[in-house]
N, C-alpha and C. Protein backbone atom coordinates (compact mmCIF):
# COMPACT_ATOMS: atom_id res chain seq x y z
N MET A 1 71.43 141.35 85.47
CA MET A 1 72.31 140.64 83.95
C MET A 1 73.18 140.50 85.37
N ASN A 2 74.86 139.92 85.07
CA ASN A 2 74.91 139.48 86.08
C ASN A 2 77.02 139.95 85.69
N ASN A 3 76.96 140.82 86.65
CA ASN A 3 78.39 141.80 85.85
C ASN A 3 79.64 141.97 87.41
N ASP A 4 79.68 140.61 87.56
CA ASP A 4 80.48 139.93 88.24
C ASP A 4 81.91 139.99 87.44
N ILE A 5 83.38 140.53 88.50
CA ILE A 5 84.30 140.00 87.50
C ILE A 5 85.06 138.54 88.46
N SER A 6 85.15 138.29 88.13
CA SER A 6 86.55 137.14 88.92
C SER A 6 87.87 137.07 88.78
N ILE A 7 88.25 137.12 89.89
CA ILE A 7 89.23 137.21 90.37
C ILE A 7 90.21 136.34 90.63
N PRO A 8 91.27 136.21 89.32
CA PRO A 8 92.10 134.54 90.52
C PRO A 8 92.41 134.90 91.54
N ARG A 9 92.12 133.59 92.45
CA ARG A 9 93.49 133.40 93.74
C ARG A 9 94.40 132.96 93.37
N ALA A 10 95.79 133.35 94.34
CA ALA A 10 96.97 133.03 94.44
C ALA A 10 96.91 131.79 95.17
N GLY A 11 97.35 130.82 94.80
CA GLY A 11 97.70 129.62 95.61
C GLY A 11 98.53 128.96 96.42
N THR A 12 98.86 128.83 97.00
CA THR A 12 100.41 128.13 97.49
C THR A 12 101.06 126.98 96.09
N PHE A 13 102.33 127.10 95.60
CA PHE A 13 102.89 126.07 94.92
C PHE A 13 103.57 125.27 96.03
N GLU A 14 103.53 124.22 95.73
CA GLU A 14 104.02 123.12 95.97
C GLU A 14 105.23 122.08 94.93
N PRO A 15 106.94 122.44 94.73
CA PRO A 15 106.85 121.94 93.84
C PRO A 15 107.28 120.17 93.95
N ILE A 16 106.88 119.26 93.13
CA ILE A 16 106.81 118.27 93.14
C ILE A 16 108.14 117.13 93.26
N MET A 17 109.26 118.17 92.02
CA MET A 17 110.52 117.63 91.91
C MET A 17 111.41 118.87 92.04
N VAL A 18 112.69 118.69 92.93
CA VAL A 18 113.73 120.02 93.20
C VAL A 18 114.82 118.87 92.74
N GLN A 19 115.83 120.26 92.46
CA GLN A 19 117.18 119.93 92.48
C GLN A 19 117.86 119.62 94.13
N PRO A 20 118.73 119.30 94.25
CA PRO A 20 119.69 118.64 95.52
C PRO A 20 119.86 119.97 95.90
N LYS A 21 120.18 121.17 95.35
CA LYS A 21 120.25 122.13 95.79
C LYS A 21 119.45 123.47 96.89
N ASP A 22 117.74 122.59 96.53
CA ASP A 22 116.84 123.04 97.08
C ASP A 22 117.20 122.52 97.74
N ILE A 23 116.34 121.06 98.17
CA ILE A 23 116.91 120.18 99.12
C ILE A 23 117.56 120.56 100.53
N VAL A 24 118.51 121.51 99.96
CA VAL A 24 119.58 121.89 101.33
C VAL A 24 118.42 123.14 101.69
N SER A 25 117.99 123.60 100.93
CA SER A 25 117.20 124.96 101.31
C SER A 25 116.09 124.44 102.27
N MET A 26 115.76 123.65 101.54
CA MET A 26 114.65 123.22 102.40
C MET A 26 114.37 122.91 103.48
N PHE A 27 115.40 121.88 103.27
CA PHE A 27 115.78 121.03 104.82
C PHE A 27 116.53 121.81 105.73
N SER A 28 118.02 123.25 105.29
CA SER A 28 118.19 123.63 106.41
C SER A 28 120.03 121.99 106.48
N ILE A 29 119.75 121.53 105.88
CA ILE A 29 120.96 120.27 105.90
C ILE A 29 122.18 120.83 104.62
N SER A 30 123.00 120.43 104.91
CA SER A 30 124.67 120.65 103.80
C SER A 30 124.33 119.90 102.34
N ARG A 31 124.97 120.26 101.43
CA ARG A 31 124.90 119.43 100.54
C ARG A 31 125.87 118.20 100.60
N SER A 32 126.59 118.13 101.38
CA SER A 32 127.58 116.72 101.06
C SER A 32 126.14 115.51 101.75
N THR A 33 125.37 115.87 103.00
CA THR A 33 124.49 115.06 103.18
C THR A 33 123.41 115.31 102.54
N VAL A 34 122.71 115.92 101.32
CA VAL A 34 122.37 115.35 100.19
C VAL A 34 122.38 114.45 99.88
N THR A 35 123.92 114.47 99.22
CA THR A 35 124.47 113.56 98.48
C THR A 35 124.47 112.59 98.81
N ARG A 36 125.21 112.10 100.59
CA ARG A 36 124.98 111.22 101.39
C ARG A 36 123.53 110.07 101.33
N LEU A 37 122.65 110.94 101.61
CA LEU A 37 121.22 110.72 101.54
C LEU A 37 120.65 110.28 99.41
N ILE A 38 121.14 111.02 99.11
CA ILE A 38 120.57 110.69 97.69
C ILE A 38 121.47 108.47 97.23
N SER A 39 123.03 109.25 98.06
CA SER A 39 123.27 107.61 97.58
C SER A 39 122.53 106.18 98.13
N LYS A 40 121.89 106.63 99.50
CA LYS A 40 121.40 105.44 100.06
C LYS A 40 119.99 105.81 99.92
N ILE A 41 119.18 106.38 99.49
CA ILE A 41 117.93 106.46 98.79
C ILE A 41 118.19 105.43 97.30
N LEU A 42 118.85 105.61 96.97
CA LEU A 42 119.14 104.81 95.63
C LEU A 42 119.10 103.38 95.99
N LEU A 43 119.94 103.11 96.95
CA LEU A 43 120.56 101.54 97.56
C LEU A 43 118.86 101.11 98.11
N ASP A 44 117.80 101.71 98.34
CA ASP A 44 116.48 101.66 98.98
C ASP A 44 115.48 101.29 97.96
N ASP A 45 114.87 100.15 97.88
CA ASP A 45 114.40 99.85 96.59
C ASP A 45 113.03 100.30 96.60
N LYS A 46 112.29 100.81 98.11
CA LYS A 46 110.90 101.53 98.70
C LYS A 46 111.29 102.84 97.94
N TYR A 47 112.38 103.22 98.29
CA TYR A 47 112.27 104.86 97.52
C TYR A 47 113.20 105.07 96.39
N LYS A 48 113.93 104.44 96.19
CA LYS A 48 114.36 104.47 94.67
C LYS A 48 113.87 105.34 93.50
N SER A 49 112.60 105.34 93.43
CA SER A 49 111.74 106.16 92.12
C SER A 49 111.95 108.21 93.03
N CYS A 50 112.72 107.62 94.35
CA CYS A 50 112.25 109.21 94.76
C CYS A 50 112.81 109.61 93.86
N ILE A 51 114.41 109.47 92.96
CA ILE A 51 115.45 110.42 92.42
C ILE A 51 115.42 110.02 91.36
N THR A 52 115.78 110.98 90.39
CA THR A 52 115.51 110.70 88.75
C THR A 52 116.42 111.72 88.09
N ARG A 53 118.06 110.71 87.34
CA ARG A 53 118.43 111.61 86.74
C ARG A 53 118.72 111.53 85.19
N LEU A 54 118.16 112.89 85.13
CA LEU A 54 117.57 113.04 84.01
C LEU A 54 119.59 113.14 83.20
N ASN A 55 120.03 113.40 83.89
CA ASN A 55 121.75 113.34 82.62
C ASN A 55 122.64 113.33 84.15
N ARG A 56 124.51 113.04 83.86
CA ARG A 56 125.13 113.18 84.64
C ARG A 56 124.89 114.48 85.86
N ASN A 57 124.88 115.46 85.04
CA ASN A 57 124.79 116.97 86.83
C ASN A 57 123.68 116.84 86.85
N LEU A 58 122.34 116.55 86.48
CA LEU A 58 121.00 117.55 86.55
C LEU A 58 120.38 116.16 87.70
N VAL A 59 120.00 116.05 88.81
CA VAL A 59 119.65 114.72 89.72
C VAL A 59 118.11 116.03 90.31
N LEU A 60 116.79 115.01 89.98
CA LEU A 60 115.56 116.09 90.26
C LEU A 60 115.14 114.75 91.91
N ILE A 61 115.10 115.39 92.90
CA ILE A 61 114.07 114.51 94.07
C ILE A 61 112.71 114.36 94.06
N ASP A 62 111.93 113.74 94.40
CA ASP A 62 110.34 113.97 94.55
C ASP A 62 110.46 114.23 96.58
N VAL A 63 110.00 115.74 96.62
CA VAL A 63 110.25 116.33 97.21
C VAL A 63 109.19 115.19 98.85
N GLN A 64 107.79 114.99 98.55
CA GLN A 64 107.11 113.82 99.16
C GLN A 64 107.81 112.61 99.58
N MET A 65 108.56 111.88 98.94
CA MET A 65 108.86 110.81 99.17
C MET A 65 110.35 111.53 100.47
N PHE A 66 110.89 112.02 99.83
CA PHE A 66 112.08 112.37 100.35
C PHE A 66 111.83 112.73 101.62
N THR A 67 110.73 113.56 102.16
CA THR A 67 110.22 113.13 103.74
C THR A 67 110.37 112.46 104.26
N ASN A 68 109.13 111.18 103.26
CA ASN A 68 108.25 109.89 103.76
C ASN A 68 109.70 109.33 104.27
N TYR A 69 110.86 109.59 103.67
CA TYR A 69 112.62 108.59 103.47
C TYR A 69 113.42 109.35 105.14
N LEU A 70 112.70 110.97 105.37
CA LEU A 70 113.64 111.31 106.09
C LEU A 70 112.84 110.57 107.44
N LYS A 71 111.85 110.68 107.66
CA LYS A 71 110.87 110.70 108.44
C LYS A 71 110.98 108.40 108.83
N ASP A 72 110.57 107.92 107.73
CA ASP A 72 111.13 106.46 107.79
C ASP A 72 112.36 106.00 109.17
N GLN A 73 113.60 106.93 108.12
CA GLN A 73 114.87 106.50 109.29
C GLN A 73 114.60 106.98 110.19
N ASP A 74 114.43 108.44 110.37
CA ASP A 74 114.12 108.72 112.14
C ASP A 74 113.27 107.85 113.19
N LEU A 75 112.09 106.74 111.79
CA LEU A 75 111.82 105.96 113.04
C LEU A 75 112.55 104.89 113.62
N LYS A 76 113.46 103.97 111.59
CA LYS A 76 114.07 102.99 112.12
C LYS A 76 115.06 103.48 113.60
N GLY A 77 115.63 104.35 113.56
CA GLY A 77 116.77 105.30 114.64
C GLY A 77 115.95 105.06 115.93
N LEU A 78 114.61 105.56 115.67
CA LEU A 78 114.16 105.22 117.48
C LEU A 78 114.12 103.83 117.89
N LYS A 79 113.92 102.59 117.14
CA LYS A 79 113.59 101.58 117.26
C LYS A 79 114.43 100.81 117.50
N GLU A 80 116.18 101.62 117.85
CA GLU A 80 117.47 100.23 117.63
C GLU A 80 117.32 100.72 119.05
């Protein structure tokens, strides 16, 4: 007879989509920088799907794609 009790383990949770205010705290950048980057991302066809506007005041950002955009911009600056 098996009397083992299974205890659920807590895992780490990484949000997929966050608001700009969360990007500010995650990346330690200013809100105005986030707004500027959102504007640039919306003009870039490769990363445009990173930004989701649910309404005029609510914007969600895909964290992984945002990180990839920042890395891509960093590498682009190094190549120049």
